[in-house]
């Protein structure tokens, strides 16, 4: 299972972490992969100036609500595919 952690700390919250979470949840539902992706919140990923911070496969990324769906398709779906290779 792929774990996707989204920071919900102060800086990330102000930059739209709630919206990013909603977009990721929608992506999971649309792609029918709820059994393969776990979305969790984190209180600080240590990259506050780069908010919204997202952790995937032990790497930290900066994601905006505007880039969230593209990030999901590019990084999360690739991660899922790599699990099955």
PDB file of N, CA and C in Angstrom:
ATOM      1  N   UNK A   1       0.849  -1.180   0.000  1.00  0.00           N
ATOM      2  CA  UNK A   1       0.000   0.000   0.000  1.00  0.00           C
ATOM      3  C   UNK A   1       0.891   1.239   0.000  1.00  0.00           C
ATOM      4  N   UNK A   2       0.523   2.205  -0.781  1.00  0.00           N
ATOM      5  CA  UNK A   2       1.253   3.471  -0.856  1.00  0.00           C
ATOM      6  C   UNK A   2       0.678   4.441   0.165  1.00  0.00           C
ATOM      7  N   UNK A   3       1.553   5.009   1.006  1.00  0.00           N
ATOM      8  CA  UNK A   3       1.120   5.985   2.006  1.00  0.00           C
ATOM      9  C   UNK A   3       1.463   7.384   1.521  1.00  0.00           C
ATOM     10  N   UNK A   4       0.476   8.240   1.570  1.00  0.00           N
ATOM     11  CA  UNK A   4       0.602   9.627   1.142  1.00  0.00           C
ATOM     12  C   UNK A   4       0.321  10.496   2.364  1.00  0.00           C
ATOM     13  N   UNK A   5       1.368  11.169   2.885  1.00  0.00           N
ATOM     14  CA  UNK A   5       1.221  12.011   4.076  1.00  0.00           C
ATOM     15  C   UNK A   5       1.160  13.474   3.647  1.00  0.00           C
ATOM     16  N   UNK A   6       0.154  14.175   4.133  1.00  0.00           N
ATOM     17  CA  UNK A   6      -0.001  15.595   3.821  1.00  0.00           C
ATOM     18  C   UNK A   6       0.102  16.372   5.123  1.00  0.00           C
ATOM     19  N   UNK A   7       0.988  17.364   5.139  1.00  0.00           N
ATOM     20  CA  UNK A   7       1.151  18.194   6.323  1.00  0.00           C
ATOM     21  C   UNK A   7      -0.108  19.037   6.542  1.00  0.00           C
ATOM     22  N   UNK A   8      -0.569  19.058   7.776  1.00  0.00           N
ATOM     23  CA  UNK A   8      -1.716  19.887   8.134  1.00  0.00           C
ATOM     24  C   UNK A   8      -1.331  20.909   9.202  1.00  0.00           C
ATOM     25  N   UNK A   9      -0.029  21.159   9.326  1.00  0.00           N
ATOM     26  CA  UNK A   9       0.455  22.171  10.257  1.00  0.00           C
ATOM     27  C   UNK A   9       0.063  23.567   9.794  1.00  0.00           C
ATOM     28  N   UNK A  10       0.380  24.564  10.577  1.00  0.00           N
ATOM     29  CA  UNK A  10      -0.075  25.940  10.332  1.00  0.00           C
ATOM     30  C   UNK A  10       0.257  26.469   8.944  1.00  0.00           C
ATOM     31  N   UNK A  11       1.518  26.409   8.539  1.00  0.00           N
ATOM     32  CA  UNK A  11       1.916  26.965   7.242  1.00  0.00           C
ATOM     33  C   UNK A  11       1.230  26.230   6.097  1.00  0.00           C
ATOM     34  N   UNK A  12       1.199  24.907   6.184  1.00  0.00           N
ATOM     35  CA  UNK A  12       0.582  24.122   5.114  1.00  0.00           C
ATOM     36  C   UNK A  12      -0.931  24.317   5.091  1.00  0.00           C
ATOM     37  N   UNK A  13      -1.513  24.421   6.270  1.00  0.00           N
ATOM     38  CA  UNK A  13      -2.961  24.674   6.331  1.00  0.00           C
ATOM     39  C   UNK A  13      -3.308  25.993   5.630  1.00  0.00           C
ATOM     40  N   UNK A  14      -2.519  27.020   5.909  1.00  0.00           N
ATOM     41  CA  UNK A  14      -2.776  28.325   5.286  1.00  0.00           C
ATOM     42  C   UNK A  14      -2.575  28.291   3.770  1.00  0.00           C
ATOM     43  N   UNK A  15      -1.717  27.394   3.287  1.00  0.00           N
ATOM     44  CA  UNK A  15      -1.443  27.298   1.845  1.00  0.00           C
ATOM     45  C   UNK A  15      -2.378  26.328   1.127  1.00  0.00           C
ATOM     46  N   UNK A  16      -3.307  25.675   1.883  1.00  0.00           N
ATOM     47  CA  UNK A  16      -4.318  24.857   1.222  1.00  0.00           C
ATOM     48  C   UNK A  16      -4.231  23.359   1.417  1.00  0.00           C
ATOM     49  N   UNK A  17      -3.659  22.896   2.529  1.00  0.00           N
ATOM     50  CA  UNK A  17      -3.527  21.453   2.724  1.00  0.00           C
ATOM     51  C   UNK A  17      -4.879  20.738   2.761  1.00  0.00           C
ATOM     52  N   UNK A  18      -5.890  21.372   3.303  1.00  0.00           N
ATOM     53  CA  UNK A  18      -7.216  20.746   3.336  1.00  0.00           C
ATOM     54  C   UNK A  18      -7.738  20.512   1.922  1.00  0.00           C
ATOM     55  N   UNK A  19      -7.537  21.475   1.062  1.00  0.00           N
ATOM     56  CA  UNK A  19      -7.967  21.334  -0.328  1.00  0.00           C
ATOM     57  C   UNK A  19      -7.154  20.252  -1.041  1.00  0.00           C
ATOM     58  N   UNK A  20      -5.858  20.206  -0.770  1.00  0.00           N
ATOM     59  CA  UNK A  20      -5.000  19.167  -1.371  1.00  0.00           C
ATOM     60  C   UNK A  20      -5.487  17.784  -0.938  1.00  0.00           C
ATOM     61  N   UNK A  21      -5.803  17.622   0.333  1.00  0.00           N
ATOM     62  CA  UNK A  21      -6.316  16.344   0.834  1.00  0.00           C
ATOM     63  C   UNK A  21      -7.602  15.975   0.107  1.00  0.00           C
ATOM     64  N   UNK A  22      -8.517  16.924  -0.032  1.00  0.00           N
ATOM     65  CA  UNK A  22      -9.779  16.658  -0.725  1.00  0.00           C
ATOM     66  C   UNK A  22      -9.546  16.248  -2.174  1.00  0.00           C
ATOM     67  N   UNK A  23      -8.610  16.898  -2.835  1.00  0.00           N
ATOM     68  CA  UNK A  23      -8.290  16.562  -4.227  1.00  0.00           C
ATOM     69  C   UNK A  23      -7.710  15.158  -4.301  1.00  0.00           C
ATOM     70  N   UNK A  24      -6.790  14.826  -3.396  1.00  0.00           N
ATOM     71  CA  UNK A  24      -6.211  13.478  -3.377  1.00  0.00           C
ATOM     72  C   UNK A  24      -7.291  12.429  -3.120  1.00  0.00           C
ATOM     73  N   UNK A  25      -8.196  12.690  -2.183  1.00  0.00           N
ATOM     74  CA  UNK A  25      -9.284  11.744  -1.905  1.00  0.00           C
ATOM     75  C   UNK A  25     -10.142  11.535  -3.150  1.00  0.00           C
ATOM     76  N   UNK A  26     -10.422  12.617  -3.843  1.00  0.00           N
ATOM     77  CA  UNK A  26     -11.210  12.530  -5.066  1.00  0.00           C
ATOM     78  C   UNK A  26     -10.473  11.707  -6.124  1.00  0.00           C
ATOM     79  N   UNK A  27      -9.171  11.898  -6.234  1.00  0.00           N
ATOM     80  CA  UNK A  27      -8.359  11.127  -7.184  1.00  0.00           C
ATOM     81  C   UNK A  27      -8.427   9.635  -6.861  1.00  0.00           C
ATOM     82  N   UNK A  28      -8.335   9.299  -5.592  1.00  0.00           N
ATOM     83  CA  UNK A  28      -8.395   7.897  -5.171  1.00  0.00           C
ATOM     84  C   UNK A  28      -9.755   7.304  -5.530  1.00  0.00           C
ATOM     85  N   UNK A  29     -10.820   8.039  -5.252  1.00  0.00           N
ATOM     86  CA  UNK A  29     -12.167   7.559  -5.551  1.00  0.00           C
ATOM     87  C   UNK A  29     -12.382   7.388  -7.052  1.00  0.00           C
ATOM     88  N   UNK A  30     -11.990   8.403  -7.836  1.00  0.00           N
ATOM     89  CA  UNK A  30     -12.189   8.339  -9.291  1.00  0.00           C
ATOM     90  C   UNK A  30     -11.433   7.179  -9.924  1.00  0.00           C
ATOM     91  N   UNK A  31     -10.268   6.859  -9.374  1.00  0.00           N
ATOM     92  CA  UNK A  31      -9.420   5.812  -9.959  1.00  0.00           C
ATOM     93  C   UNK A  31      -9.677   4.447  -9.320  1.00  0.00           C
ATOM     94  N   UNK A  32     -10.585   4.427  -8.323  1.00  0.00           N
ATOM     95  CA  UNK A  32     -10.966   3.193  -7.632  1.00  0.00           C
ATOM     96  C   UNK A  32      -9.753   2.435  -7.078  1.00  0.00           C
ATOM     97  N   UNK A  33      -8.926   3.180  -6.342  1.00  0.00           N
ATOM     98  CA  UNK A  33      -7.701   2.597  -5.788  1.00  0.00           C
ATOM     99  C   UNK A  33      -7.628   2.774  -4.269  1.00  0.00           C
ATOM    100  N   UNK A  34      -8.781   2.807  -3.621  1.00  0.00           N
ATOM    101  CA  UNK A  34      -8.784   3.025  -2.166  1.00  0.00           C
ATOM    102  C   UNK A  34      -8.094   1.890  -1.414  1.00  0.00           C
ATOM    103  N   UNK A  35      -7.974   0.736  -2.030  1.00  0.00           N
ATOM    104  CA  UNK A  35      -7.290  -0.383  -1.390  1.00  0.00           C
ATOM    105  C   UNK A  35      -5.774  -0.321  -1.596  1.00  0.00           C
ATOM    106  N   UNK A  36      -5.309   0.672  -2.358  1.00  0.00           N
ATOM    107  CA  UNK A  36      -3.889   0.771  -2.683  1.00  0.00           C
ATOM    108  C   UNK A  36      -3.213   2.037  -2.162  1.00  0.00           C
ATOM    109  N   UNK A  37      -4.010   3.052  -1.795  1.00  0.00           N
ATOM    110  CA  UNK A  37      -3.457   4.337  -1.344  1.00  0.00           C
ATOM    111  C   UNK A  37      -4.070   4.711  -0.003  1.00  0.00           C
ATOM    112  N   UNK A  38      -3.202   5.034   0.938  1.00  0.00           N
ATOM    113  CA  UNK A  38      -3.646   5.510   2.241  1.00  0.00           C
ATOM    114  C   UNK A  38      -3.240   6.975   2.383  1.00  0.00           C
ATOM    115  N   UNK A  39      -4.215   7.827   2.646  1.00  0.00           N
ATOM    116  CA  UNK A  39      -3.967   9.260   2.827  1.00  0.00           C
ATOM    117  C   UNK A  39      -4.014   9.563   4.317  1.00  0.00           C
ATOM    118  N   UNK A  40      -2.915  10.148   4.814  1.00  0.00           N
ATOM    119  CA  UNK A  40      -2.858  10.492   6.231  1.00  0.00           C
ATOM    120  C   UNK A  40      -2.373  11.929   6.397  1.00  0.00           C
ATOM    121  N   UNK A  41      -2.705  12.501   7.535  1.00  0.00           N
ATOM    122  CA  UNK A  41      -2.234  13.840   7.863  1.00  0.00           C
ATOM    123  C   UNK A  41      -0.972  13.754   8.715  1.00  0.00           C
ATOM    124  N   UNK A  42      -0.156  14.784   8.635  1.00  0.00           N
ATOM    125  CA  UNK A  42       1.057  14.881   9.450  1.00  0.00           C
ATOM    126  C   UNK A  42       1.138  16.315   9.958  1.00  0.00           C
ATOM    127  N   UNK A  43       1.668  16.502  11.152  1.00  0.00           N
ATOM    128  CA  UNK A  43       1.683  17.855  11.701  1.00  0.00           C
ATOM    129  C   UNK A  43       2.872  18.696  11.289  1.00  0.00           C
ATOM    130  N   UNK A  44       3.961  18.113  10.911  1.00  0.00           N
ATOM    131  CA  UNK A  44       5.059  18.895  10.358  1.00  0.00           C
ATOM    132  C   UNK A  44       6.011  17.953   9.652  1.00  0.00           C
ATOM    133  N   UNK A  45       6.319  18.280   8.427  1.00  0.00           N
ATOM    134  CA  UNK A  45       7.265  17.486   7.654  1.00  0.00           C
ATOM    135  C   UNK A  45       8.590  18.223   7.495  1.00  0.00           C
ATOM    136  N   UNK A  46       8.708  19.388   8.165  1.00  0.00           N
ATOM    137  CA  UNK A  46       9.968  20.111   8.205  1.00  0.00           C
ATOM    138  C   UNK A  46      10.279  20.975   7.000  1.00  0.00           C
ATOM    139  N   UNK A  47       9.301  21.239   6.178  1.00  0.00           N
ATOM    140  CA  UNK A  47       9.512  22.060   4.978  1.00  0.00           C
ATOM    141  C   UNK A  47       8.455  23.165   4.913  1.00  0.00           C
ATOM    142  N   UNK A  48       8.304  23.857   6.013  1.00  0.00           N
ATOM    143  CA  UNK A  48       7.221  24.838   6.160  1.00  0.00           C
ATOM    144  C   UNK A  48       7.243  25.943   5.101  1.00  0.00           C
ATOM    145  N   UNK A  49       8.415  26.351   4.670  1.00  0.00           N
ATOM    146  CA  UNK A  49       8.485  27.427   3.678  1.00  0.00           C
ATOM    147  C   UNK A  49       8.106  26.953   2.276  1.00  0.00           C
ATOM    148  N   UNK A  50       8.000  25.650   2.097  1.00  0.00           N
ATOM    149  CA  UNK A  50       7.664  25.082   0.789  1.00  0.00           C
ATOM    150  C   UNK A  50       6.252  24.513   0.763  1.00  0.00           C
ATOM    151  N   UNK A  51       5.425  24.913   1.694  1.00  0.00           N
ATOM    152  CA  UNK A  51       4.096  24.348   1.874  1.00  0.00           C
ATOM    153  C   UNK A  51       3.288  24.358   0.572  1.00  0.00           C
ATOM    154  N   UNK A  52       2.425  23.432   0.389  1.00  0.00           N
ATOM    155  CA  UNK A  52       1.959  22.317   1.181  1.00  0.00           C
ATOM    156  C   UNK A  52       2.932  21.146   1.006  1.00  0.00           C
ATOM    157  N   UNK A  53       3.422  20.619   2.118  1.00  0.00           N
ATOM    158  CA  UNK A  53       4.377  19.517   2.069  1.00  0.00           C
ATOM    159  C   UNK A  53       3.648  18.187   2.023  1.00  0.00           C
ATOM    160  N   UNK A  54       4.108  17.335   1.103  1.00  0.00           N
ATOM    161  CA  UNK A  54       3.536  16.008   0.923  1.00  0.00           C
ATOM    162  C   UNK A  54       4.686  15.008   0.938  1.00  0.00           C
ATOM    163  N   UNK A  55       4.524  13.931   1.692  1.00  0.00           N
ATOM    164  CA  UNK A  55       5.540  12.889   1.761  1.00  0.00           C
ATOM    165  C   UNK A  55       5.032  11.647   1.033  1.00  0.00           C
ATOM    166  N   UNK A  56       5.827  11.182   0.085  1.00  0.00           N
ATOM    167  CA  UNK A  56       5.526   9.978  -0.679  1.00  0.00           C
ATOM    168  C   UNK A  56       6.831   9.214  -0.845  1.00  0.00           C
ATOM    169  N   UNK A  57       6.839   7.958  -0.471  1.00  0.00           N
ATOM    170  CA  UNK A  57       8.043   7.122  -0.583  1.00  0.00           C
ATOM    171  C   UNK A  57       9.257   7.781   0.073  1.00  0.00           C
ATOM    172  N   UNK A  58       9.050   8.360   1.249  1.00  0.00           N
ATOM    173  CA  UNK A  58      10.109   9.005   2.040  1.00  0.00           C
ATOM    174  C   UNK A  58      10.735  10.225   1.367  1.00  0.00           C
ATOM    175  N   UNK A  59      10.068  10.794   0.381  1.00  0.00           N
ATOM    176  CA  UNK A  59      10.515  12.031  -0.255  1.00  0.00           C
ATOM    177  C   UNK A  59       9.471  13.099   0.017  1.00  0.00           C
ATOM    178  N   UNK A  60       9.943  14.336   0.230  1.00  0.00           N
ATOM    179  CA  UNK A  60       9.046  15.459   0.491  1.00  0.00           C
ATOM    180  C   UNK A  60       8.880  16.270  -0.790  1.00  0.00           C
ATOM    181  N   UNK A  61       7.631  16.580  -1.113  1.00  0.00           N
ATOM    182  CA  UNK A  61       7.303  17.380  -2.286  1.00  0.00           C
ATOM    183  C   UNK A  61       6.493  18.588  -1.842  1.00  0.00           C
ATOM    184  N   UNK A  62       6.549  19.631  -2.631  1.00  0.00           N
ATOM    185  CA  UNK A  62       5.711  20.804  -2.419  1.00  0.00           C
ATOM    186  C   UNK A  62       4.570  20.737  -3.435  1.00  0.00           C
ATOM    187  N   UNK A  63       3.338  20.758  -2.926  1.00  0.00           N
ATOM    188  CA  UNK A  63       2.160  20.613  -3.779  1.00  0.00           C
ATOM    189  C   UNK A  63       1.194  21.751  -3.475  1.00  0.00           C
ATOM    190  N   UNK A  64       0.611  22.315  -4.491  1.00  0.00           N
ATOM    191  CA  UNK A  64      -0.428  23.331  -4.316  1.00  0.00           C
ATOM    192  C   UNK A  64      -1.765  22.712  -4.698  1.00  0.00           C
ATOM    193  N   UNK A  65      -2.858  23.330  -4.285  1.00  0.00           N
ATOM    194  CA  UNK A  65      -4.143  22.814  -4.742  1.00  0.00           C
ATOM    195  C   UNK A  65      -4.229  22.755  -6.276  1.00  0.00           C
ATOM    196  N   UNK A  66      -3.596  23.711  -6.929  1.00  0.00           N
ATOM    197  CA  UNK A  66      -3.630  23.753  -8.395  1.00  0.00           C
ATOM    198  C   UNK A  66      -2.816  22.626  -9.032  1.00  0.00           C
ATOM    199  N   UNK A  67      -1.786  22.152  -8.354  1.00  0.00           N
ATOM    200  CA  UNK A  67      -0.931  21.102  -8.921  1.00  0.00           C
ATOM    201  C   UNK A  67      -1.226  19.713  -8.355  1.00  0.00           C
ATOM    202  N   UNK A  68      -2.183  19.608  -7.447  1.00  0.00           N
ATOM    203  CA  UNK A  68      -2.414  18.356  -6.715  1.00  0.00           C
ATOM    204  C   UNK A  68      -2.796  17.186  -7.623  1.00  0.00           C
ATOM    205  N   UNK A  69      -3.714  17.385  -8.545  1.00  0.00           N
ATOM    206  CA  UNK A  69      -4.134  16.266  -9.390  1.00  0.00           C
ATOM    207  C   UNK A  69      -3.004  15.827 -10.320  1.00  0.00           C
ATOM    208  N   UNK A  70      -2.260  16.766 -10.860  1.00  0.00           N
ATOM    209  CA  UNK A  70      -1.115  16.419 -11.705  1.00  0.00           C
ATOM    210  C   UNK A  70      -0.057  15.669 -10.887  1.00  0.00           C
ATOM    211  N   UNK A  71       0.201  16.134  -9.656  1.00  0.00           N
ATOM    212  CA  UNK A  71       1.136  15.439  -8.777  1.00  0.00           C
ATOM    213  C   UNK A  71       0.670  14.004  -8.546  1.00  0.00           C
ATOM    214  N   UNK A  72      -0.613  13.842  -8.291  1.00  0.00           N
ATOM    215  CA  UNK A  72      -1.156  12.510  -8.030  1.00  0.00           C
ATOM    216  C   UNK A  72      -0.912  11.592  -9.228  1.00  0.00           C
ATOM    217  N   UNK A  73      -1.236  12.076 -10.405  1.00  0.00           N
ATOM    218  CA  UNK A  73      -1.058  11.258 -11.607  1.00  0.00           C
ATOM    219  C   UNK A  73       0.406  10.971 -11.890  1.00  0.00           C
ATOM    220  N   UNK A  74       1.252  11.947 -11.696  1.00  0.00           N
ATOM    221  CA  UNK A  74       2.671  11.800 -12.007  1.00  0.00           C
ATOM    222  C   UNK A  74       3.421  10.975 -10.971  1.00  0.00           C
ATOM    223  N   UNK A  75       3.200  11.252  -9.701  1.00  0.00           N
ATOM    224  CA  UNK A  75       4.003  10.633  -8.650  1.00  0.00           C
ATOM    225  C   UNK A  75       3.315   9.458  -7.954  1.00  0.00           C
ATOM    226  N   UNK A  76       2.083   9.634  -7.552  1.00  0.00           N
ATOM    227  CA  UNK A  76       1.404   8.573  -6.801  1.00  0.00           C
ATOM    228  C   UNK A  76       1.111   7.381  -7.708  1.00  0.00           C
ATOM    229  N   UNK A  77       0.576   7.635  -8.876  1.00  0.00           N
ATOM    230  CA  UNK A  77       0.256   6.527  -9.784  1.00  0.00           C
ATOM    231  C   UNK A  77       1.535   5.814 -10.229  1.00  0.00           C
ATOM    232  N   UNK A  78       2.612   6.552 -10.434  1.00  0.00           N
ATOM    233  CA  UNK A  78       3.901   5.928 -10.782  1.00  0.00           C
ATOM    234  C   UNK A  78       4.382   5.053  -9.630  1.00  0.00           C
ATOM    235  N   UNK A  79       4.254   5.531  -8.413  1.00  0.00           N
ATOM    236  CA  UNK A  79       4.654   4.772  -7.233  1.00  0.00           C
ATOM    237  C   UNK A  79       3.863   3.470  -7.152  1.00  0.00           C
ATOM    238  N   UNK A  80       2.577   3.547  -7.425  1.00  0.00           N
ATOM    239  CA  UNK A  80       1.741   2.350  -7.407  1.00  0.00           C
ATOM    240  C   UNK A  80       2.199   1.343  -8.453  1.00  0.00           C
ATOM    241  N   UNK A  81       2.482   1.823  -9.631  1.00  0.00           N
ATOM    242  CA  UNK A  81       2.937   0.937 -10.708  1.00  0.00           C
ATOM    243  C   UNK A  81       4.252   0.273 -10.338  1.00  0.00           C
ATOM    244  N   UNK A  82       5.159   1.018  -9.708  1.00  0.00           N
ATOM    245  CA  UNK A  82       6.467   0.476  -9.328  1.00  0.00           C
ATOM    246  C   UNK A  82       6.349  -0.609  -8.274  1.00  0.00           C
ATOM    247  N   UNK A  83       5.297  -0.549  -7.452  1.00  0.00           N
ATOM    248  CA  UNK A  83       5.086  -1.580  -6.423  1.00  0.00           C
ATOM    249  C   UNK A  83       4.837  -2.940  -7.056  1.00  0.00           C
ATOM    250  N   UNK A  84       4.273  -2.949  -8.234  1.00  0.00           N
ATOM    251  CA  UNK A  84       3.869  -4.209  -8.865  1.00  0.00           C
ATOM    252  C   UNK A  84       4.836  -4.695  -9.927  1.00  0.00           C
ATOM    253  N   UNK A  85       5.981  -4.024 -10.049  1.00  0.00           N
ATOM    254  CA  UNK A  85       6.986  -4.447 -11.036  1.00  0.00           C
ATOM    255  C   UNK A  85       7.904  -5.478 -10.407  1.00  0.00           C
TER     256      UNK A  85
END
